[in-house]
Amino acid sequence: MLTYFQAIVIGLFQGVTELVPISSLGHSVLLPEWLGWHGLVRAQSADESFYLAFLVALHVATALALLVHYRTTWVRIIKGFFTSIGKRGIETPDERLAWLLVVGTLGVGVVGLAFEHLLRTVFAKPAAAAVFLMVNGVILFAGERLRRSSLATVPSGPERAAGPDGVEPPGRQLDTLELKEGAVIGAAQILALFAGISRSGVTMVGGLLRGLNHEDAARFSFLLATPVIFAAGVYKIPDLMGPLGDGVRGQALAGGVAAFVAAYVAVRFLERWFERRTLTPFAVYCLVFGALSLVRIAA
């Protein structure tokens, strides 16, 4: 069964890795493997288990942390959504952002409902998670490498050099994205159904390739993730409230509090990080940790 210590450790890692582009699902498989918690490793890919019920609380807590952090933004987004419906048109940046999030969420929502169970039972295993984590590192590296060439093809105006303080130059404005571009960036979240592929990582790469700078790409990624993570948690709440949750509800509460705190700290840190820095350190981490995990599993 799950101890309170395990619940808090996993909760902390979930809160951080859901937002840092290194895959929370991959780490929820690999972390127990590294720590010798083999019962949790097997439970991750089971059809139904107490561990999956426990993860519900962590997802809800992470989404709540994002909602709290971006609360004023979400108020404007929700207002813009209903205003645009009333006007039957999109006129303001908030209205456009609202619809970018709608179209960006639909694809992963449909695919997740249809295939999440299958992909989890097949791929949520340590060896597969390690391989996909390395693939995630390659995606992050490729995104950074392709970004400069993509800027030349996006109607964002001339590229400006970074200022003396090292802050990244402004890229394309988020509210200039077309709805079809938002749909494509949001659809990248489908890849995160594979344990080891980061939701925030692939959506950030999608934003970078459409000309956003790192700061705006990260912000759009976190906003996109919020309804998906929250919906996934709420959808599975009956598991936590039902027989699968027997014996782990207290641990779920402790883990949820840890995940909330970790996610709130992580999003504040990452906002500052992406003002001046790139995805490259996270790409290196994914390649190294994935390779070390494969070696450990094979040993």
C-alpha atoms as a PDB file:
ATOM      1  CA  MET A   1       0.000   0.000   0.000  1.00  0.00           C
ATOM      2  CA  LEU A   2       0.989   3.657  -0.242  1.00  0.00           C
ATOM      3  CA  THR A   3       2.653   5.304   2.770  1.00  0.00           C
ATOM      4  CA  TYR A   4       2.350   8.982   3.672  1.00  0.00           C
ATOM      5  CA  PHE A   5       6.049   9.476   2.971  1.00  0.00           C
ATOM      6  CA  GLN A   6       5.654   8.011  -0.519  1.00  0.00           C
ATOM      7  CA  ALA A   7       2.550  10.123  -1.089  1.00  0.00           C
ATOM      8  CA  ILE A   8       4.333  13.373  -0.221  1.00  0.00           C
ATOM      9  CA  VAL A   9       7.435  12.540  -2.291  1.00  0.00           C
ATOM     10  CA  ILE A  10       5.357  11.621  -5.339  1.00  0.00           C
ATOM     11  CA  GLY A  11       3.148  14.675  -4.814  1.00  0.00           C
ATOM     12  CA  LEU A  12       6.155  16.996  -4.787  1.00  0.00           C
ATOM     13  CA  PHE A  13       7.537  15.443  -7.955  1.00  0.00           C
ATOM     14  CA  GLN A  14       4.126  15.541  -9.649  1.00  0.00           C
ATOM     15  CA  GLY A  15       3.667  19.234  -8.912  1.00  0.00           C
ATOM     16  CA  VAL A  16       7.088  20.085 -10.328  1.00  0.00           C
ATOM     17  CA  THR A  17       7.288  17.710 -13.295  1.00  0.00           C
ATOM     18  CA  GLU A  18       3.783  18.501 -14.556  1.00  0.00           C
ATOM     19  CA  LEU A  19       5.024  22.003 -15.415  1.00  0.00           C
ATOM     20  CA  VAL A  20       8.769  21.591 -15.874  1.00  0.00           C
ATOM     21  CA  PRO A  21       9.109  20.058 -19.367  1.00  0.00           C
ATOM     22  CA  ILE A  22      10.381  16.666 -18.161  1.00  0.00           C
ATOM     23  CA  SER A  23       7.096  14.652 -18.012  1.00  0.00           C
ATOM     24  CA  SER A  24       5.157  14.052 -14.820  1.00  0.00           C
ATOM     25  CA  LEU A  25       3.726  10.768 -16.124  1.00  0.00           C
ATOM     26  CA  GLY A  26       7.194   9.508 -16.984  1.00  0.00           C
ATOM     27  CA  HIS A  27       8.481  10.403 -13.527  1.00  0.00           C
ATOM     28  CA  SER A  28       5.473   8.814 -11.822  1.00  0.00           C
ATOM     29  CA  VAL A  29       6.715   5.562 -13.423  1.00  0.00           C
ATOM     30  CA  LEU A  30      10.487   6.023 -13.142  1.00  0.00           C
ATOM     31  CA  LEU A  31      10.678   7.562  -9.671  1.00  0.00           C
ATOM     32  CA  PRO A  32       9.140   4.525  -7.907  1.00  0.00           C
ATOM     33  CA  GLU A  33      11.452   2.297  -9.991  1.00  0.00           C
ATOM     34  CA  TRP A  34      14.535   4.215  -8.811  1.00  0.00           C
ATOM     35  CA  LEU A  35      13.357   4.193  -5.191  1.00  0.00           C
ATOM     36  CA  GLY A  36      12.530   0.501  -5.220  1.00  0.00           C
ATOM     37  CA  TRP A  37       8.783   1.014  -4.809  1.00  0.00           C
ATOM     38  CA  HIS A  38       8.007  -1.796  -7.235  1.00  0.00           C
ATOM     39  CA  GLY A  39       4.415  -2.229  -6.117  1.00  0.00           C
ATOM     40  CA  LEU A  40       3.689   1.322  -7.267  1.00  0.00           C
ATOM     41  CA  VAL A  41       5.456   0.669 -10.583  1.00  0.00           C
ATOM     42  CA  ARG A  42       3.178  -2.298 -11.298  1.00  0.00           C
ATOM     43  CA  ALA A  43       0.111  -0.351 -10.150  1.00  0.00           C
ATOM     44  CA  GLN A  44       0.814   2.459 -12.638  1.00  0.00           C
ATOM     45  CA  SER A  45       0.082   0.243 -15.664  1.00  0.00           C
ATOM     46  CA  ALA A  46      -2.671  -1.845 -14.071  1.00  0.00           C
ATOM     47  CA  ASP A  47      -6.205  -1.640 -15.445  1.00  0.00           C
ATOM     48  CA  GLU A  48      -7.406  -0.175 -12.154  1.00  0.00           C
ATOM     49  CA  SER A  49      -5.497   0.372  -8.911  1.00  0.00           C
ATOM     50  CA  PHE A  50      -5.244   2.392  -5.715  1.00  0.00           C
ATOM     51  CA  TYR A  51      -2.256   4.253  -7.206  1.00  0.00           C
ATOM     52  CA  LEU A  52      -4.331   5.588 -10.085  1.00  0.00           C
ATOM     53  CA  ALA A  53      -6.970   6.738  -7.621  1.00  0.00           C
ATOM     54  CA  PHE A  54      -4.244   8.504  -5.638  1.00  0.00           C
ATOM     55  CA  LEU A  55      -2.931  10.277  -8.765  1.00  0.00           C
ATOM     56  CA  VAL A  56      -6.372  11.858  -9.214  1.00  0.00           C
ATOM     57  CA  ALA A  57      -5.769  14.089  -6.196  1.00  0.00           C
ATOM     58  CA  LEU A  58      -2.363  15.144  -7.499  1.00  0.00           C
ATOM     59  CA  HIS A  59      -3.783  16.196 -10.868  1.00  0.00           C
ATOM     60  CA  VAL A  60      -6.584  18.207  -9.285  1.00  0.00           C
ATOM     61  CA  ALA A  61      -4.156  19.880  -6.866  1.00  0.00           C
ATOM     62  CA  THR A  62      -1.765  20.806  -9.684  1.00  0.00           C
ATOM     63  CA  ALA A  63      -4.593  22.308 -11.731  1.00  0.00           C
ATOM     64  CA  LEU A  64      -5.810  24.280  -8.710  1.00  0.00           C
ATOM     65  CA  ALA A  65      -2.306  25.724  -8.244  1.00  0.00           C
ATOM     66  CA  LEU A  66      -2.348  26.901 -11.858  1.00  0.00           C
ATOM     67  CA  LEU A  67      -5.825  28.371 -11.438  1.00  0.00           C
ATOM     68  CA  VAL A  68      -4.743  30.282  -8.341  1.00  0.00           C
ATOM     69  CA  HIS A  69      -1.612  31.609 -10.013  1.00  0.00           C
ATOM     70  CA  TYR A  70      -3.415  32.700 -13.189  1.00  0.00           C
ATOM     71  CA  ARG A  71      -6.692  33.618 -11.487  1.00  0.00           C
ATOM     72  CA  THR A  72      -6.924  37.142 -12.922  1.00  0.00           C
ATOM     73  CA  THR A  73      -6.058  35.865 -16.385  1.00  0.00           C
ATOM     74  CA  TRP A  74      -8.725  33.170 -16.174  1.00  0.00           C
ATOM     75  CA  VAL A  75     -11.339  35.729 -15.105  1.00  0.00           C
ATOM     76  CA  ARG A  76     -10.569  37.716 -18.267  1.00  0.00           C
ATOM     77  CA  ILE A  77     -10.549  34.560 -20.404  1.00  0.00           C
ATOM     78  CA  ILE A  78     -13.922  33.368 -19.155  1.00  0.00           C
ATOM     79  CA  LYS A  79     -15.416  36.843 -19.564  1.00  0.00           C
ATOM     80  CA  GLY A  80     -13.968  37.056 -23.069  1.00  0.00           C
ATOM     81  CA  PHE A  81     -15.423  33.674 -23.988  1.00  0.00           C
ATOM     82  CA  PHE A  82     -18.988  34.632 -23.102  1.00  0.00           C
ATOM     83  CA  THR A  83     -18.599  38.117 -24.540  1.00  0.00           C
ATOM     84  CA  SER A  84     -17.491  36.681 -27.876  1.00  0.00           C
ATOM     85  CA  ILE A  85     -20.482  34.334 -27.914  1.00  0.00           C
ATOM     86  CA  GLY A  86     -22.805  37.268 -27.314  1.00  0.00           C
ATOM     87  CA  LYS A  87     -21.187  39.275 -30.116  1.00  0.00           C
ATOM     88  CA  ARG A  88     -20.731  36.205 -32.353  1.00  0.00           C
ATOM     89  CA  GLY A  89     -17.228  37.364 -33.105  1.00  0.00           C
ATOM     90  CA  ILE A  90     -13.696  37.681 -31.744  1.00  0.00           C
ATOM     91  CA  GLU A  91     -12.490  41.251 -31.275  1.00  0.00           C
ATOM     92  CA  THR A  92     -10.283  41.501 -28.170  1.00  0.00           C
ATOM     93  CA  PRO A  93      -7.091  39.677 -27.112  1.00  0.00           C
ATOM     94  CA  ASP A  94      -8.941  38.029 -24.217  1.00  0.00           C
ATOM     95  CA  GLU A  95     -11.637  36.735 -26.551  1.00  0.00           C
ATOM     96  CA  ARG A  96      -9.042  35.324 -28.926  1.00  0.00           C
ATOM     97  CA  LEU A  97      -7.108  33.694 -26.088  1.00  0.00           C
ATOM     98  CA  ALA A  98     -10.320  32.097 -24.825  1.00  0.00           C
ATOM     99  CA  TRP A  99     -11.000  30.477 -28.193  1.00  0.00           C
ATOM    100  CA  LEU A 100      -7.362  29.491 -28.663  1.00  0.00           C
ATOM    101  CA  LEU A 101      -7.665  27.539 -25.428  1.00  0.00           C
ATOM    102  CA  VAL A 102     -10.975  25.983 -26.500  1.00  0.00           C
ATOM    103  CA  VAL A 103      -9.674  24.711 -29.842  1.00  0.00           C
ATOM    104  CA  GLY A 104      -6.364  23.746 -28.252  1.00  0.00           C
ATOM    105  CA  THR A 105      -8.113  21.550 -25.686  1.00  0.00           C
ATOM    106  CA  LEU A 106     -10.645  19.741 -27.860  1.00  0.00           C
ATOM    107  CA  GLY A 107      -8.207  17.413 -29.634  1.00  0.00           C
ATOM    108  CA  VAL A 108      -6.422  16.066 -26.572  1.00  0.00           C
ATOM    109  CA  GLY A 109      -9.758  15.784 -24.747  1.00  0.00           C
ATOM    110  CA  VAL A 110     -11.259  13.510 -27.385  1.00  0.00           C
ATOM    111  CA  VAL A 111      -8.125  11.404 -27.878  1.00  0.00           C
ATOM    112  CA  GLY A 112      -7.521  11.180 -24.135  1.00  0.00           C
ATOM    113  CA  LEU A 113     -10.994   9.822 -23.477  1.00  0.00           C
ATOM    114  CA  ALA A 114     -10.615   7.273 -26.250  1.00  0.00           C
ATOM    115  CA  PHE A 115      -7.043   6.067 -25.753  1.00  0.00           C
ATOM    116  CA  GLU A 116      -5.695   7.110 -22.333  1.00  0.00           C
ATOM    117  CA  HIS A 117      -6.445   3.724 -20.745  1.00  0.00           C
ATOM    118  CA  LEU A 118      -4.889   1.749 -23.608  1.00  0.00           C
ATOM    119  CA  LEU A 119      -1.745   3.888 -23.819  1.00  0.00           C
ATOM    120  CA  ARG A 120      -1.253   3.825 -20.049  1.00  0.00           C
ATOM    121  CA  THR A 121      -1.561   0.057 -19.674  1.00  0.00           C
ATOM    122  CA  VAL A 122       0.771  -0.559 -22.628  1.00  0.00           C
ATOM    123  CA  PHE A 123       3.403   2.182 -22.225  1.00  0.00           C
ATOM    124  CA  ALA A 124       3.359   3.248 -18.545  1.00  0.00           C
ATOM    125  CA  LYS A 125       6.231   0.885 -17.771  1.00  0.00           C
ATOM    126  CA  PRO A 126       9.778   1.847 -16.735  1.00  0.00           C
ATOM    127  CA  ALA A 127      11.619   0.854 -19.924  1.00  0.00           C
ATOM    128  CA  ALA A 128       9.091   2.527 -22.217  1.00  0.00           C
ATOM    129  CA  ALA A 129       8.980   5.639 -20.017  1.00  0.00           C
ATOM    130  CA  ALA A 130      12.785   5.919 -20.122  1.00  0.00           C
ATOM    131  CA  VAL A 131      12.817   5.681 -23.924  1.00  0.00           C
ATOM    132  CA  PHE A 132      10.054   8.264 -24.324  1.00  0.00           C
ATOM    133  CA  LEU A 133      11.828  10.560 -21.866  1.00  0.00           C
ATOM    134  CA  MET A 134      14.837  10.495 -24.164  1.00  0.00           C
ATOM    135  CA  VAL A 135      12.530  11.179 -27.122  1.00  0.00           C
ATOM    136  CA  ASN A 136      11.215  14.158 -25.153  1.00  0.00           C
ATOM    137  CA  GLY A 137      14.779  15.443 -24.831  1.00  0.00           C
ATOM    138  CA  VAL A 138      15.240  15.187 -28.589  1.00  0.00           C
ATOM    139  CA  ILE A 139      11.984  17.099 -29.154  1.00  0.00           C
ATOM    140  CA  LEU A 140      13.141  19.915 -26.862  1.00  0.00           C
ATOM    141  CA  PHE A 141      16.532  20.089 -28.568  1.00  0.00           C
ATOM    142  CA  ALA A 142      14.916  20.094 -32.013  1.00  0.00           C
ATOM    143  CA  GLY A 143      12.479  22.823 -30.993  1.00  0.00           C
ATOM    144  CA  GLU A 144      15.287  25.109 -29.923  1.00  0.00           C
ATOM    145  CA  ARG A 145      17.283  24.384 -33.068  1.00  0.00           C
ATOM    146  CA  LEU A 146      14.356  24.977 -35.420  1.00  0.00           C
ATOM    147  CA  ARG A 147      13.115  28.112 -33.690  1.00  0.00           C
ATOM    148  CA  ARG A 148      15.363  30.567 -35.496  1.00  0.00           C
ATOM    149  CA  SER A 149      14.451  29.262 -38.929  1.00  0.00           C
ATOM    150  CA  SER A 150      10.760  29.283 -38.028  1.00  0.00           C
ATOM    151  CA  LEU A 151      10.905  32.965 -37.022  1.00  0.00           C
ATOM    152  CA  ALA A 152      11.768  33.860 -40.600  1.00  0.00           C
ATOM    153  CA  THR A 153       8.530  32.308 -41.854  1.00  0.00           C
ATOM    154  CA  VAL A 154       6.166  33.774 -39.232  1.00  0.00           C
ATOM    155  CA  PRO A 155       4.649  37.258 -39.754  1.00  0.00           C
ATOM    156  CA  SER A 156       6.072  38.676 -36.528  1.00  0.00           C
ATOM    157  CA  GLY A 157       8.231  41.490 -37.869  1.00  0.00           C
ATOM    158  CA  PRO A 158      12.015  41.736 -37.771  1.00  0.00           C
ATOM    159  CA  GLU A 159      13.791  39.849 -35.037  1.00  0.00           C
ATOM    160  CA  ARG A 160      15.356  42.124 -32.449  1.00  0.00           C
ATOM    161  CA  ALA A 161      18.511  41.458 -30.521  1.00  0.00           C
ATOM    162  CA  ALA A 162      18.344  40.698 -26.812  1.00  0.00           C
ATOM    163  CA  GLY A 163      18.787  43.630 -24.486  1.00  0.00           C
ATOM    164  CA  PRO A 164      21.802  44.157 -22.257  1.00  0.00           C
ATOM    165  CA  ASP A 165      20.019  42.489 -19.334  1.00  0.00           C
ATOM    166  CA  GLY A 166      19.780  39.248 -21.305  1.00  0.00           C
ATOM    167  CA  VAL A 167      15.982  39.284 -21.564  1.00  0.00           C
ATOM    168  CA  GLU A 168      14.783  37.481 -24.670  1.00  0.00           C
ATOM    169  CA  PRO A 169      13.548  39.836 -27.409  1.00  0.00           C
ATOM    170  CA  PRO A 170       9.783  40.029 -27.920  1.00  0.00           C
ATOM    171  CA  GLY A 171       8.530  37.521 -30.444  1.00  0.00           C
ATOM    172  CA  ARG A 172       5.143  37.203 -32.002  1.00  0.00           C
ATOM    173  CA  GLN A 173       2.259  38.328 -29.786  1.00  0.00           C
ATOM    174  CA  LEU A 174       0.158  35.513 -28.363  1.00  0.00           C
ATOM    175  CA  ASP A 175      -3.080  37.160 -29.486  1.00  0.00           C
ATOM    176  CA  THR A 176      -1.922  37.093 -33.122  1.00  0.00           C
ATOM    177  CA  LEU A 177      -2.109  33.292 -33.284  1.00  0.00           C
ATOM    178  CA  GLU A 178      -4.820  31.991 -35.590  1.00  0.00           C
ATOM    179  CA  LEU A 179      -7.290  29.478 -34.188  1.00  0.00           C
ATOM    180  CA  LYS A 180      -5.906  26.723 -36.397  1.00  0.00           C
ATOM    181  CA  GLU A 181      -2.448  27.395 -34.951  1.00  0.00           C
ATOM    182  CA  GLY A 182      -3.857  27.131 -31.436  1.00  0.00           C
ATOM    183  CA  ALA A 183      -5.463  23.819 -32.386  1.00  0.00           C
ATOM    184  CA  VAL A 184      -2.154  22.448 -33.672  1.00  0.00           C
ATOM    185  CA  ILE A 185      -0.221  23.566 -30.590  1.00  0.00           C
ATOM    186  CA  GLY A 186      -2.912  22.125 -28.323  1.00  0.00           C
ATOM    187  CA  ALA A 187      -2.994  18.855 -30.239  1.00  0.00           C
ATOM    188  CA  ALA A 188       0.666  18.366 -29.358  1.00  0.00           C
ATOM    189  CA  GLN A 189      -0.574  17.521 -25.857  1.00  0.00           C
ATOM    190  CA  ILE A 190      -1.733  14.182 -27.267  1.00  0.00           C
ATOM    191  CA  LEU A 191       1.913  13.086 -27.260  1.00  0.00           C
ATOM    192  CA  ALA A 192       1.930  13.488 -23.471  1.00  0.00           C
ATOM    193  CA  LEU A 193      -0.355  10.452 -23.212  1.00  0.00           C
ATOM    194  CA  PHE A 194       2.877   8.496 -23.664  1.00  0.00           C
ATOM    195  CA  ALA A 195       4.692   8.277 -20.320  1.00  0.00           C
ATOM    196  CA  GLY A 196       7.917  10.251 -20.770  1.00  0.00           C
ATOM    197  CA  ILE A 197       6.663  12.926 -23.173  1.00  0.00           C
ATOM    198  CA  SER A 198       6.113  16.265 -21.441  1.00  0.00           C
ATOM    199  CA  ARG A 199       2.846  18.140 -22.002  1.00  0.00           C
ATOM    200  CA  SER A 200       4.432  21.505 -21.267  1.00  0.00           C
ATOM    201  CA  GLY A 201       7.500  20.639 -23.335  1.00  0.00           C
ATOM    202  CA  VAL A 202       5.729  19.721 -26.575  1.00  0.00           C
ATOM    203  CA  THR A 203       3.294  22.631 -26.371  1.00  0.00           C
ATOM    204  CA  MET A 204       6.139  25.055 -25.677  1.00  0.00           C
ATOM    205  CA  VAL A 205       7.978  23.739 -28.724  1.00  0.00           C
ATOM    206  CA  GLY A 206       4.793  24.218 -30.744  1.00  0.00           C
ATOM    207  CA  GLY A 207       4.546  27.822 -29.563  1.00  0.00           C
ATOM    208  CA  LEU A 208       8.209  28.522 -30.275  1.00  0.00           C
ATOM    209  CA  LEU A 209       7.858  27.204 -33.810  1.00  0.00           C
ATOM    210  CA  ARG A 210       4.990  29.640 -34.385  1.00  0.00           C
ATOM    211  CA  GLY A 211       7.215  32.561 -33.379  1.00  0.00           C
ATOM    212  CA  LEU A 212       6.373  33.033 -29.685  1.00  0.00           C
ATOM    213  CA  ASN A 213       9.247  33.755 -27.354  1.00  0.00           C
ATOM    214  CA  HIS A 214       9.972  31.364 -24.475  1.00  0.00           C
ATOM    215  CA  GLU A 215       8.048  33.389 -21.909  1.00  0.00           C
ATOM    216  CA  ASP A 216       4.822  33.552 -23.938  1.00  0.00           C
ATOM    217  CA  ALA A 217       5.177  29.957 -25.130  1.00  0.00           C
ATOM    218  CA  ALA A 218       5.435  28.832 -21.498  1.00  0.00           C
ATOM    219  CA  ARG A 219       2.465  30.947 -20.432  1.00  0.00           C
ATOM    220  CA  PHE A 220       0.286  29.570 -23.241  1.00  0.00           C
ATOM    221  CA  SER A 221       1.430  26.051 -22.369  1.00  0.00           C
ATOM    222  CA  PHE A 222       0.452  26.423 -18.710  1.00  0.00           C
ATOM    223  CA  LEU A 223      -2.930  27.910 -19.609  1.00  0.00           C
ATOM    224  CA  LEU A 224      -3.553  25.065 -22.069  1.00  0.00           C
ATOM    225  CA  ALA A 225      -2.620  22.475 -19.475  1.00  0.00           C
ATOM    226  CA  THR A 226      -4.948  23.778 -16.766  1.00  0.00           C
ATOM    227  CA  PRO A 227      -8.332  22.595 -18.134  1.00  0.00           C
ATOM    228  CA  VAL A 228      -6.847  19.304 -19.371  1.00  0.00           C
ATOM    229  CA  ILE A 229      -5.221  18.407 -16.050  1.00  0.00           C
ATOM    230  CA  PHE A 230      -8.266  19.539 -14.075  1.00  0.00           C
ATOM    231  CA  ALA A 231     -10.715  17.650 -16.291  1.00  0.00           C
ATOM    232  CA  ALA A 232      -8.596  14.479 -16.143  1.00  0.00           C
ATOM    233  CA  GLY A 233      -8.595  14.661 -12.349  1.00  0.00           C
ATOM    234  CA  VAL A 234     -12.303  15.417 -11.968  1.00  0.00           C
ATOM    235  CA  TYR A 235     -13.191  12.672 -14.463  1.00  0.00           C
ATOM    236  CA  LYS A 236     -11.415  10.125 -12.265  1.00  0.00           C
ATOM    237  CA  ILE A 237     -12.675  11.392  -8.887  1.00  0.00           C
ATOM    238  CA  PRO A 238     -15.193   8.507  -8.651  1.00  0.00           C
ATOM    239  CA  ASP A 239     -12.172   6.175  -8.518  1.00  0.00           C
ATOM    240  CA  LEU A 240     -10.821   7.998  -5.462  1.00  0.00           C
ATOM    241  CA  MET A 241     -14.239   8.104  -3.816  1.00  0.00           C
ATOM    242  CA  GLY A 242     -14.982   4.463  -4.640  1.00  0.00           C
ATOM    243  CA  PRO A 243     -13.418   1.174  -3.508  1.00  0.00           C
ATOM    244  CA  LEU A 244     -10.112   1.941  -5.255  1.00  0.00           C
ATOM    245  CA  GLY A 245      -9.636   4.870  -2.910  1.00  0.00           C
ATOM    246  CA  ASP A 246     -10.044   2.808   0.256  1.00  0.00           C
ATOM    247  CA  GLY A 247      -6.928   3.139   2.361  1.00  0.00           C
ATOM    248  CA  VAL A 248      -5.319   5.947   0.334  1.00  0.00           C
ATOM    249  CA  ARG A 249      -7.622   8.949   0.780  1.00  0.00           C
ATOM    250  CA  GLY A 250      -5.523  10.383   3.596  1.00  0.00           C
ATOM    251  CA  GLN A 251      -2.382   9.855   1.561  1.00  0.00           C
ATOM    252  CA  ALA A 252      -4.123  11.465  -1.425  1.00  0.00           C
ATOM    253  CA  LEU A 253      -4.835  14.568   0.666  1.00  0.00           C
ATOM    254  CA  ALA A 254      -1.214  14.771   1.849  1.00  0.00           C
ATOM    255  CA  GLY A 255       0.105  14.200  -1.657  1.00  0.00           C
ATOM    256  CA  GLY A 256      -2.349  16.739  -3.075  1.00  0.00           C
ATOM    257  CA  VAL A 257      -1.162  19.441  -0.672  1.00  0.00           C
ATOM    258  CA  ALA A 258       2.440  18.682  -1.617  1.00  0.00           C
ATOM    259  CA  ALA A 259       1.589  18.792  -5.330  1.00  0.00           C
ATOM    260  CA  PHE A 260      -0.239  22.116  -4.946  1.00  0.00           C
ATOM    261  CA  VAL A 261       2.689  23.779  -3.184  1.00  0.00           C
ATOM    262  CA  ALA A 262       5.245  22.324  -5.604  1.00  0.00           C
ATOM    263  CA  ALA A 263       3.255  23.345  -8.686  1.00  0.00           C
ATOM    264  CA  TYR A 264       2.697  26.878  -7.400  1.00  0.00           C
ATOM    265  CA  VAL A 265       6.412  27.339  -6.720  1.00  0.00           C
ATOM    266  CA  ALA A 266       7.312  25.705 -10.054  1.00  0.00           C
ATOM    267  CA  VAL A 267       5.133  27.956 -12.208  1.00  0.00           C
ATOM    268  CA  ARG A 268       6.533  31.094 -10.558  1.00  0.00           C
ATOM    269  CA  PHE A 269      10.084  29.827 -11.040  1.00  0.00           C
ATOM    270  CA  LEU A 270       9.517  28.846 -14.674  1.00  0.00           C
ATOM    271  CA  GLU A 271       8.033  32.224 -15.567  1.00  0.00           C
ATOM    272  CA  ARG A 272      11.254  33.870 -14.449  1.00  0.00           C
ATOM    273  CA  TRP A 273      13.415  31.152 -16.014  1.00  0.00           C
ATOM    274  CA  PHE A 274      11.942  31.569 -19.492  1.00  0.00           C
ATOM    275  CA  GLU A 275      12.453  35.331 -19.465  1.00  0.00           C
ATOM    276  CA  ARG A 276      16.145  34.667 -20.163  1.00  0.00           C
ATOM    277  CA  ARG A 277      16.695  30.938 -20.637  1.00  0.00           C
ATOM    278  CA  THR A 278      15.729  28.103 -22.947  1.00  0.00           C
ATOM    279  CA  LEU A 279      14.570  24.481 -22.973  1.00  0.00           C
ATOM    280  CA  THR A 280      18.077  23.137 -23.537  1.00  0.00           C
ATOM    281  CA  PRO A 281      18.950  22.259 -19.885  1.00  0.00           C
ATOM    282  CA  PHE A 282      15.718  20.267 -19.613  1.00  0.00           C
ATOM    283  CA  ALA A 283      16.531  18.473 -22.872  1.00  0.00           C
ATOM    284  CA  VAL A 284      19.916  17.452 -21.460  1.00  0.00           C
ATOM    285  CA  TYR A 285      18.290  16.225 -18.249  1.00  0.00           C
ATOM    286  CA  CYS A 286      15.757  14.082 -20.146  1.00  0.00           C
ATOM    287  CA  LEU A 287      18.452  12.446 -22.273  1.00  0.00           C
ATOM    288  CA  VAL A 288      20.734  11.749 -19.314  1.00  0.00           C
ATOM    289  CA  PHE A 289      18.060  10.577 -16.863  1.00  0.00           C
ATOM    290  CA  GLY A 290      16.343   8.470 -19.522  1.00  0.00           C
ATOM    291  CA  ALA A 291      19.626   6.780 -20.461  1.00  0.00           C
ATOM    292  CA  LEU A 292      20.572   6.151 -16.817  1.00  0.00           C
ATOM    293  CA  SER A 293      17.122   4.714 -16.173  1.00  0.00           C
ATOM    294  CA  LEU A 294      17.503   2.286 -19.085  1.00  0.00           C
ATOM    295  CA  VAL A 295      20.873   1.164 -17.712  1.00  0.00           C
ATOM    296  CA  ARG A 296      19.380   0.653 -14.259  1.00  0.00           C
ATOM    297  CA  ILE A 297      16.417  -1.299 -15.601  1.00  0.00           C
ATOM    298  CA  ALA A 298      18.666  -3.527 -17.716  1.00  0.00           C
ATOM    299  CA  ALA A 299      21.089  -4.178 -14.842  1.00  0.00           C
END
